[in-house]
């Protein structure tokens, strides 16, 4: 029964991604990153030896999401904003590597704060974006570009 529910959830998420605007996709990536970081943070507080695997899995997933955000930046047209975001993403990736290798919680907490603040900023930007009515469109496997 759990498999059917997981399939329905996955199908629903795929539809969300396929019909989302680029701005909505950015927000979804931030939400996914924060969710993974919070799972890792929770695992740090567990006593179970399996926590190491949970921490690693969630930190690597968060790093994958941050990498997707970084490669999606339009460095050619994004100007200073894109450059600053790229540096910030590099910093967060390095911080999460430290957290994973040295099994330290504080870098995870630091990155949660950074990603939450960035998500809030993008949410404000999204409120100013004109509403577009779009039909479902295929999403290419890979990156989309963010212009600051």
Protein backbone atom coordinates (compact mmCIF):
# COMPACT_ATOMS: atom_id res chain seq x y z
CA UNK A 1 0.00 0.00 0.00
CA UNK A 2 2.86 2.36 0.75
CA UNK A 3 4.19 1.83 -2.77
CA UNK A 4 0.93 3.06 -4.32
CA UNK A 5 0.97 6.16 -2.14
CA UNK A 6 4.61 6.82 -3.01
CA UNK A 7 3.81 6.43 -6.72
CA UNK A 8 0.92 8.91 -6.43
CA UNK A 9 3.11 11.40 -4.57
CA UNK A 10 5.90 11.02 -7.15
CA UNK A 11 3.45 11.52 -10.02
CA UNK A 12 2.04 14.61 -8.30
CA UNK A 13 5.56 16.03 -7.78
CA UNK A 14 6.48 15.36 -11.42
CA UNK A 15 3.38 17.27 -12.52
CA UNK A 16 4.33 20.16 -10.23
CA UNK A 17 7.81 20.31 -11.74
CA UNK A 18 6.58 20.04 -15.32
CA UNK A 19 4.07 22.87 -14.91
CA UNK A 20 6.17 25.17 -12.71
CA UNK A 21 7.64 28.46 -13.83
CA UNK A 22 11.41 28.86 -13.55
CA UNK A 23 10.86 30.91 -10.37
CA UNK A 24 8.68 28.19 -8.86
CA UNK A 25 11.37 25.63 -9.71
CA UNK A 26 13.96 27.70 -7.85
CA UNK A 27 11.70 27.84 -4.80
CA UNK A 28 11.09 24.08 -5.02
CA UNK A 29 14.84 23.49 -5.07
CA UNK A 30 15.35 25.63 -1.98
CA UNK A 31 12.53 23.79 -0.18
CA UNK A 32 14.02 20.41 -1.10
CA UNK A 33 17.48 21.49 0.06
CA UNK A 34 16.17 22.77 3.40
CA UNK A 35 14.15 19.58 3.90
CA UNK A 36 17.27 17.43 3.38
CA UNK A 37 19.34 19.61 5.69
CA UNK A 38 16.70 19.38 8.41
CA UNK A 39 16.68 15.58 8.08
CA UNK A 40 20.46 15.56 8.47
CA UNK A 41 20.23 17.89 11.47
CA UNK A 42 17.70 15.56 13.11
CA UNK A 43 19.94 12.54 12.44
CA UNK A 44 22.88 14.29 14.14
CA UNK A 45 20.90 14.17 17.39
CA UNK A 46 20.22 10.43 17.17
CA UNK A 47 22.26 7.85 19.07
CA UNK A 48 21.78 5.11 16.47
CA UNK A 49 24.98 4.20 14.56
CA UNK A 50 22.88 4.19 11.34
CA UNK A 51 22.65 7.97 11.74
CA UNK A 52 25.95 8.35 9.88
CA UNK A 53 24.36 6.93 6.73
CA UNK A 54 21.26 9.11 7.13
CA UNK A 55 23.39 12.21 7.66
CA UNK A 56 25.57 11.43 4.64
CA UNK A 57 22.63 10.66 2.36
CA UNK A 58 20.81 13.88 3.24
CA UNK A 59 23.90 16.09 3.10
CA UNK A 60 24.82 14.69 -0.31
CA UNK A 61 21.27 15.28 -1.53
CA UNK A 62 21.39 18.88 -0.28
CA UNK A 63 24.74 19.32 -2.07
CA UNK A 64 23.19 17.97 -5.28
CA UNK A 65 20.38 20.51 -5.01
CA UNK A 66 22.80 23.37 -4.33
CA UNK A 67 24.90 22.25 -7.30
CA UNK A 68 21.78 22.35 -9.48
CA UNK A 69 21.08 25.88 -8.26
CA UNK A 70 24.69 26.88 -8.99
CA UNK A 71 24.83 25.47 -12.52
CA UNK A 72 21.48 27.07 -13.27
CA UNK A 73 22.82 30.55 -12.73
CA UNK A 74 23.04 32.66 -15.87
CA UNK A 75 26.54 33.99 -15.28
CA UNK A 76 26.55 35.82 -18.61
CA UNK A 77 23.45 37.93 -17.94
CA UNK A 78 23.06 37.65 -14.17
CA UNK A 79 25.72 40.17 -13.29
CA UNK A 80 26.73 40.74 -9.69
CA UNK A 81 23.76 38.85 -8.28
CA UNK A 82 24.69 35.67 -10.14
CA UNK A 83 28.34 36.04 -9.11
CA UNK A 84 27.41 36.52 -5.44
CA UNK A 85 25.02 33.59 -5.49
CA UNK A 86 27.69 31.42 -7.10
CA UNK A 87 30.18 32.31 -4.34
CA UNK A 88 27.54 31.65 -1.68
CA UNK A 89 26.68 28.27 -3.21
CA UNK A 90 30.40 27.37 -3.27
CA UNK A 91 30.65 28.33 0.41
CA UNK A 92 27.61 26.20 1.35
CA UNK A 93 28.95 23.21 -0.59
CA UNK A 94 32.28 23.49 1.20
CA UNK A 95 30.55 23.90 4.56
CA UNK A 96 28.43 20.78 3.98
CA UNK A 97 31.50 18.78 2.95
CA UNK A 98 33.10 19.77 6.25
CA UNK A 99 29.95 18.79 8.13
CA UNK A 100 29.89 15.39 6.46
CA UNK A 101 33.58 14.54 6.75
CA UNK A 102 34.05 15.84 10.28
CA UNK A 103 30.53 14.91 11.46
CA UNK A 104 29.85 18.44 12.72
CA UNK A 105 26.35 19.80 13.16
CA UNK A 106 27.08 23.54 13.19
CA UNK A 107 27.92 23.82 9.48
CA UNK A 108 24.57 22.19 8.70
CA UNK A 109 22.77 24.72 10.88
CA UNK A 110 24.69 27.54 9.17
CA UNK A 111 23.64 26.35 5.72
CA UNK A 112 20.01 25.94 6.84
CA UNK A 113 20.01 29.62 7.84
CA UNK A 114 21.59 30.68 4.53
CA UNK A 115 19.26 28.60 2.37
CA UNK A 116 16.20 29.73 4.34
CA UNK A 117 17.17 33.38 3.89
CA UNK A 118 17.76 32.85 0.17
CA UNK A 119 14.41 31.08 -0.18
CA UNK A 120 12.68 33.97 1.56
CA UNK A 121 14.39 36.45 -0.76
CA UNK A 122 13.38 34.47 -3.85
CA UNK A 123 9.82 34.23 -2.49
CA UNK A 124 9.70 38.04 -2.38
CA UNK A 125 11.05 38.24 -5.92
CA UNK A 126 8.44 35.68 -7.05
CA UNK A 127 5.65 37.87 -5.64
CA UNK A 128 6.77 40.62 -7.99
CA UNK A 129 6.96 38.33 -11.02
CA UNK A 130 4.02 38.74 -13.40
CA UNK A 131 1.58 35.86 -13.27
CA UNK A 132 1.75 33.76 -16.41
CA UNK A 133 -0.82 31.28 -17.55
CA UNK A 134 1.02 28.36 -19.07
CA UNK A 135 0.07 24.94 -20.20
CA UNK A 136 2.02 21.88 -19.18
CA UNK A 137 5.26 21.64 -21.07
CA UNK A 138 7.95 19.02 -21.17
CA UNK A 139 10.90 19.79 -18.96
CA UNK A 140 14.28 18.89 -20.34
CA UNK A 141 16.37 16.68 -18.12
CA UNK A 142 19.03 19.00 -16.78
CA UNK A 143 19.37 22.60 -15.81
CA UNK A 144 17.34 25.72 -16.22
CA UNK A 145 18.90 29.16 -16.11
CA UNK A 146 18.38 31.76 -13.42
CA UNK A 147 19.00 35.37 -14.22
CA UNK A 148 19.41 37.71 -11.26
